[in-house]
Protein backbone atom coordinates (compact mmCIF):
# COMPACT_ATOMS: atom_id res chain seq x y z
CA UNK A 1 123.62 48.97 89.41
CA UNK A 2 123.03 50.71 92.71
CA UNK A 3 125.99 53.03 92.06
CA UNK A 4 124.63 53.88 88.60
CA UNK A 5 121.16 54.76 90.00
CA UNK A 6 122.73 56.95 92.68
CA UNK A 7 124.73 58.82 90.03
CA UNK A 8 121.63 59.39 87.89
CA UNK A 9 119.71 60.78 90.89
CA UNK A 10 122.54 63.21 91.62
CA UNK A 11 122.64 64.39 88.01
CA UNK A 12 118.86 64.92 87.89
CA UNK A 13 118.93 66.80 91.19
CA UNK A 14 121.60 69.12 89.87
CA UNK A 15 119.57 69.81 86.72
CA UNK A 16 116.47 70.66 88.75
CA UNK A 17 118.42 72.89 91.11
CA UNK A 18 120.14 74.91 88.40
CA UNK A 19 117.18 75.21 86.01
CA UNK A 20 116.13 78.82 85.30
CA UNK A 21 112.79 79.84 86.87
CA UNK A 22 109.81 80.03 84.50
CA UNK A 23 109.12 83.57 83.34
CA UNK A 24 105.65 85.01 83.95
CA UNK A 25 103.71 85.78 80.80
CA UNK A 26 103.05 89.49 80.30
CA UNK A 27 99.43 90.73 80.51
CA UNK A 28 97.94 90.74 76.98
CA UNK A 29 96.52 94.26 77.36
CA UNK A 30 97.35 97.20 79.63
CA UNK A 31 94.81 98.28 82.24
CA UNK A 32 94.46 101.81 80.83
CA UNK A 33 94.81 102.66 77.13
CA UNK A 34 94.80 106.38 76.46
CA UNK A 35 94.55 108.89 79.29
CA UNK A 36 91.43 110.24 81.04
CA UNK A 37 91.32 113.96 81.84
CA UNK A 38 91.18 113.35 85.60
CA UNK A 39 90.47 110.82 88.31
CA UNK A 40 87.56 108.38 88.06
CA UNK A 41 85.03 107.16 90.59
CA UNK A 42 83.50 103.91 89.39
CA UNK A 43 81.60 100.80 90.39
CA UNK A 44 83.68 97.66 90.07
CA UNK A 45 82.95 94.05 90.96
CA UNK A 46 81.67 94.23 94.54
CA UNK A 47 83.43 97.52 95.25
CA UNK A 48 83.48 101.24 94.61
CA UNK A 49 86.87 102.47 93.40
CA UNK A 50 88.63 105.79 92.95
CA UNK A 51 91.32 105.63 90.24
CA UNK A 52 93.89 108.03 88.84
CA UNK A 53 94.28 108.53 85.05
CA UNK A 54 96.75 105.63 84.89
CA UNK A 55 94.21 103.22 86.37
CA UNK A 56 95.88 103.01 89.79
CA UNK A 57 93.39 102.48 92.60
CA UNK A 58 93.63 105.35 95.10
CA UNK A 59 90.76 104.22 97.33
CA UNK A 60 88.15 101.50 97.44
CA UNK A 61 85.19 100.45 99.55
CA UNK A 62 83.48 97.03 99.51
CA UNK A 63 79.94 96.62 98.27
CA UNK A 64 77.68 94.01 96.71
CA UNK A 65 76.18 94.58 93.25
CA UNK A 66 77.10 98.30 93.07
CA UNK A 67 75.03 100.08 90.41
CA UNK A 68 75.37 103.83 91.02
CA UNK A 69 78.01 106.05 92.65
CA UNK A 70 78.57 109.76 93.34
CA UNK A 71 81.43 111.87 94.63
CA UNK A 72 79.90 114.55 96.87
CA UNK A 73 81.15 118.09 97.31
CA UNK A 74 82.38 117.29 100.84
CA UNK A 75 84.52 114.42 99.56
CA UNK A 76 82.18 111.67 100.72
CA UNK A 77 81.08 108.89 98.36
CA UNK A 78 77.42 107.92 97.91
CA UNK A 79 76.58 104.61 96.27
CA UNK A 80 73.76 102.09 95.86
CA UNK A 81 74.06 98.31 96.02
CA UNK A 82 70.56 97.15 97.00
CA UNK A 83 70.78 99.76 99.75
CA UNK A 84 72.17 103.31 99.81
CA UNK A 85 75.41 104.12 101.63
CA UNK A 86 77.45 107.28 102.17
CA UNK A 87 81.03 106.77 103.31
CA UNK A 88 83.84 109.15 104.31
CA UNK A 89 86.93 107.95 102.36
CA UNK A 90 89.36 109.61 104.78
CA UNK A 91 88.16 107.51 107.71
CA UNK A 92 86.24 104.69 106.04
CA UNK A 93 83.30 105.51 108.31
CA UNK A 94 79.78 105.01 106.99
CA UNK A 95 77.88 108.23 107.75
CA UNK A 96 74.52 107.40 106.13
CA UNK A 97 72.69 104.26 105.14
CA UNK A 98 69.22 103.44 103.86
CA UNK A 99 67.91 99.89 103.92
CA UNK A 100 64.71 99.29 101.94
CA UNK A 101 62.22 97.05 103.69
CA UNK A 102 61.83 94.86 100.61
CA UNK A 103 64.89 93.69 98.69
CA UNK A 104 63.48 90.90 96.53
CA UNK A 105 64.87 91.28 93.02
CA UNK A 106 67.22 94.04 94.24
CA UNK A 107 66.32 96.77 96.71
CA UNK A 108 67.90 99.92 95.25
CA UNK A 109 69.84 100.40 92.01
CA UNK A 110 69.66 104.18 91.47
CA UNK A 111 70.43 107.08 93.80
CA UNK A 112 71.20 110.79 93.44
CA UNK A 113 72.35 113.53 95.84
CA UNK A 114 70.03 116.54 95.59
CA UNK A 115 70.89 120.20 96.02
CA UNK A 116 68.61 120.56 99.03
CA UNK A 117 70.61 117.92 100.89
CA UNK A 118 68.13 115.11 100.32
CA UNK A 119 68.96 111.81 98.64
CA UNK A 120 66.83 110.52 95.75
CA UNK A 121 66.29 106.76 95.81
CA UNK A 122 64.74 104.45 93.24
CA UNK A 123 63.42 101.34 95.00
CA UNK A 124 63.54 98.63 92.37
CA UNK A 125 61.62 95.96 94.23
CA UNK A 126 58.68 98.23 95.13
CA UNK A 127 58.88 100.57 92.12
CA UNK A 128 58.91 103.67 94.31
CA UNK A 129 60.77 106.97 94.05
CA UNK A 130 61.75 108.37 97.44
CA UNK A 131 63.40 111.55 98.61
CA UNK A 132 65.14 110.97 101.94
CA UNK A 133 66.32 113.50 104.48
CA UNK A 134 69.71 112.99 106.10
CA UNK A 135 68.07 111.63 109.22
CA UNK A 136 66.46 108.88 107.13
CA UNK A 137 62.91 110.23 106.97
CA UNK A 138 60.90 110.02 103.74
CA UNK A 139 60.17 113.57 102.55
CA UNK A 140 58.61 112.54 99.21
CA UNK A 141 57.23 109.30 97.80
CA UNK A 142 55.87 108.41 94.36
CA UNK A 143 54.61 104.95 93.45
CA UNK A 144 55.37 104.08 89.81
CA UNK A 145 53.83 101.34 87.63
CA UNK A 146 55.49 97.98 88.29
CA UNK A 147 56.89 95.64 85.67
CA UNK A 148 56.33 92.88 88.23
CA UNK A 149 56.33 93.01 92.04
CA UNK A 150 59.72 91.89 93.36
CA UNK A 151 61.22 91.69 89.86
CA UNK A 152 64.87 92.41 89.17
CA UNK A 153 63.74 94.71 86.36
CA UNK A 154 61.38 97.34 87.74
CA UNK A 155 63.72 100.35 87.99
CA UNK A 156 67.31 101.18 87.19
CA UNK A 157 68.62 104.77 87.23
CA UNK A 158 66.35 107.55 88.51
CA UNK A 159 67.19 111.26 88.31
CA UNK A 160 65.50 114.44 89.49
CA UNK A 161 65.53 117.13 86.81
CA UNK A 162 65.92 120.90 87.16
CA UNK A 163 62.17 121.28 86.41
CA UNK A 164 61.44 119.15 89.53
CA UNK A 165 60.27 116.19 87.43
CA UNK A 166 61.77 112.70 87.59
CA UNK A 167 63.49 110.84 84.76
CA UNK A 168 63.06 107.11 85.32
CA UNK A 169 64.41 103.97 83.63
CA UNK A 170 61.81 101.16 83.65
CA UNK A 171 64.35 98.46 82.78
CA UNK A 172 62.08 95.47 82.16
CA UNK A 173 59.56 97.49 80.15
CA UNK A 174 62.41 98.98 78.07
CA UNK A 175 60.95 102.42 78.77
CA UNK A 176 62.30 105.79 79.88
CA UNK A 177 59.67 108.13 81.28
CA UNK A 178 59.58 111.61 82.74
CA UNK A 179 57.09 111.97 85.60
CA UNK A 180 55.78 115.06 87.31
CA UNK A 181 55.76 114.94 91.14
CA UNK A 182 52.07 114.03 90.83
CA UNK A 183 52.91 110.99 88.67
CA UNK A 184 51.82 112.32 85.27
CA UNK A 185 53.90 111.06 82.30
CA UNK A 186 55.11 114.00 80.20
CA UNK A 187 57.81 112.23 78.13
CA UNK A 188 58.32 108.61 77.09
CA UNK A 189 60.61 106.66 74.77
CA UNK A 190 60.88 102.93 74.22
CA UNK A 191 64.23 101.23 73.56
CA UNK A 192 65.21 97.80 72.33
CA UNK A 193 66.77 96.43 75.51
CA UNK A 194 67.10 97.04 79.25
CA UNK A 195 66.72 100.77 79.93
CA UNK A 196 69.60 101.30 82.37
CA UNK A 197 70.46 105.01 82.39
CA UNK A 198 68.91 108.27 81.15
CA UNK A 199 70.24 111.84 81.14
CA UNK A 200 68.44 115.06 80.23
CA UNK A 201 70.89 117.12 78.18
CA UNK A 202 71.11 120.92 78.19
CA UNK A 203 69.58 121.08 74.71
CA UNK A 204 66.44 119.34 76.01
CA UNK A 205 67.26 115.99 74.42
CA UNK A 206 67.44 112.76 76.42
CA UNK A 207 70.39 110.36 76.28
CA UNK A 208 69.63 106.72 77.12
CA UNK A 209 72.02 103.84 77.81
CA UNK A 210 70.29 100.58 76.88
CA UNK A 211 72.91 97.82 76.87
CA UNK A 212 73.71 97.43 73.17
CA UNK A 213 73.36 101.12 72.34
CA UNK A 214 73.45 104.68 73.63
CA UNK A 215 70.72 106.74 71.97
CA UNK A 216 69.87 110.44 71.99
CA UNK A 217 66.21 111.36 71.56
CA UNK A 218 64.76 114.80 70.91
CA UNK A 219 61.75 116.03 72.99
CA UNK A 220 59.38 114.43 70.48
CA UNK A 221 61.07 111.03 70.87
CA UNK A 222 62.91 111.08 67.54
CA UNK A 223 66.38 109.53 67.41
CA UNK A 224 68.99 112.18 66.60
CA UNK A 225 72.21 110.28 67.46
CA UNK A 226 73.17 106.73 68.30
CA UNK A 227 76.25 104.76 69.32
CA UNK A 228 76.23 100.98 69.00
CA UNK A 229 78.48 98.51 70.79
CA UNK A 230 80.09 97.48 67.49
CA UNK A 231 80.74 100.99 66.13
CA UNK A 232 84.47 100.98 67.00
CA UNK A 233 86.37 98.51 64.80
CA UNK A 234 88.56 96.08 66.70
CA UNK A 235 87.08 96.80 70.14
CA UNK A 236 84.33 94.55 71.50
CA UNK A 237 82.09 96.31 74.04
CA UNK A 238 79.48 94.40 76.03
CA UNK A 239 76.56 95.77 78.08
CA UNK A 240 76.74 99.59 78.27
CA UNK A 241 75.15 100.91 81.46
CA UNK A 242 75.80 104.18 83.33
CA UNK A 243 76.87 107.28 81.37
CA UNK A 244 78.58 110.56 82.27
CA UNK A 245 78.44 113.30 79.62
CA UNK A 246 81.50 115.57 79.64
CA UNK A 247 81.52 119.34 79.10
CA UNK A 248 83.06 118.85 75.64
CA UNK A 249 80.29 116.45 74.64
CA UNK A 250 82.31 113.26 75.06
CA UNK A 251 80.56 110.27 76.65
CA UNK A 252 82.01 107.96 79.29
CA UNK A 253 80.30 104.68 80.16
CA UNK A 254 80.53 101.63 82.39
CA UNK A 255 80.24 98.11 81.00
CA UNK A 256 78.55 95.16 82.71
CA UNK A 257 79.81 91.60 82.11
CA UNK A 258 82.71 93.39 80.50
CA UNK A 259 84.81 90.41 79.44
CA UNK A 260 82.27 87.75 78.54
CA UNK A 261 82.26 86.44 74.97
CA UNK A 262 85.46 88.27 74.06
CA UNK A 263 84.59 91.64 75.60
CA UNK A 264 87.56 93.94 76.11
CA UNK A 265 86.39 97.06 77.94
CA UNK A 266 85.21 97.86 81.48
CA UNK A 267 85.07 101.67 81.16
CA UNK A 268 85.56 103.90 78.15
CA UNK A 269 85.23 107.40 76.72
CA UNK A 270 84.22 108.26 73.16
CA UNK A 271 83.81 111.47 71.17
CA UNK A 272 80.55 112.34 69.45
CA UNK A 273 82.06 111.19 66.16
CA UNK A 274 82.60 107.78 67.80
CA UNK A 275 86.36 107.88 68.32
CA UNK A 276 87.78 106.15 71.38
CA UNK A 277 89.56 108.51 73.82
CA UNK A 278 90.55 105.94 76.45
CA UNK A 279 89.50 102.53 77.73
CA UNK A 280 90.00 100.69 81.01
CA UNK A 281 90.35 96.91 81.13
CA UNK A 282 90.86 94.83 84.28
CA UNK A 283 89.42 91.31 83.89
CA UNK A 284 90.95 90.05 87.15
CA UNK A 285 89.46 92.65 89.49
CA UNK A 286 86.57 94.43 87.75
CA UNK A 287 84.59 92.01 85.65
CA UNK A 288 81.41 94.08 85.80
CA UNK A 289 81.35 97.88 85.92
CA UNK A 290 78.10 99.82 85.71
CA UNK A 291 78.54 103.48 86.59
CA UNK A 292 81.27 106.09 86.73
CA UNK A 293 81.79 109.75 87.50
CA UNK A 294 84.66 111.68 85.98
CA UNK A 295 86.48 113.94 88.47
CA UNK A 296 89.25 116.51 88.38
CA UNK A 297 92.88 115.77 89.32
CA UNK A 298 92.05 116.31 93.01
CA UNK A 299 89.07 113.91 92.96
CA UNK A 300 86.58 116.79 93.08
CA UNK A 301 83.31 116.76 91.08
CA UNK A 302 83.53 118.55 87.75
CA UNK A 303 81.59 121.75 87.27
CA UNK A 304 78.96 122.56 86.20
CA UNK A 305 76.67 119.94 87.75
CA UNK A 306 77.55 116.55 86.24
CA UNK A 307 75.27 115.15 83.56
CA UNK A 308 74.95 111.54 84.64
């Protein structure tokens, strides 16, 4: 009996040794479907990333809940993740940072580099718009109406317009407003969900990203165009956030909670007739993406001034 057991053990050992290794299952979907026109700067999950048109990461910098990002003319990257940071990608050195005194609910979600060298900041927790000089001083301050002190949903994206007014997303109130520097409301539209991003187009209309839809309003607040998350058959898109309008009219957008409940897209570009140009999917590394800026092949900002 002992000899028989020894023989069986030897046979089993040989089978285990010679068995072919298990093959890895291929990824169900490629990272990039279609091809963007250039490189992409985007917010990923706890990072800012620079990608080429194939979806390969060329550079990245850690962050927390990164909401907004900009490629500057000097090659630096500006981003907001409850604070505002400017980093030099060539060295990894942080060259500017702004820490709001109050961060309850989220300190800063929106930022914008201004032509005069200042940095526009939307303090979510306090509901303030600030213009900061490069030495960190406050050159302009405007207190806006609060949804609730310390709420997560006071402000999202804020942008300074060419007329010197401010376009502001009051996320919890589902409102987009244009304020004069004195705080007077000169334009307002209400949407059906969180008002995340707003862009003033060259024709005077306003494009708003509000989670389930992207809507274009004329100056009187009338809807003239709309894209819904279910407008592309066979592609499930979750929460649409930051938008970058291309020179040809195409729209690119970032998607938060991109892969929950069957979602398939982290970033995408569509034409005005709602045809998909490309989509980026990376459930392992970038589960939530909020903002992006399309760049040229050398990672330079597109001209004219980006509409985002």
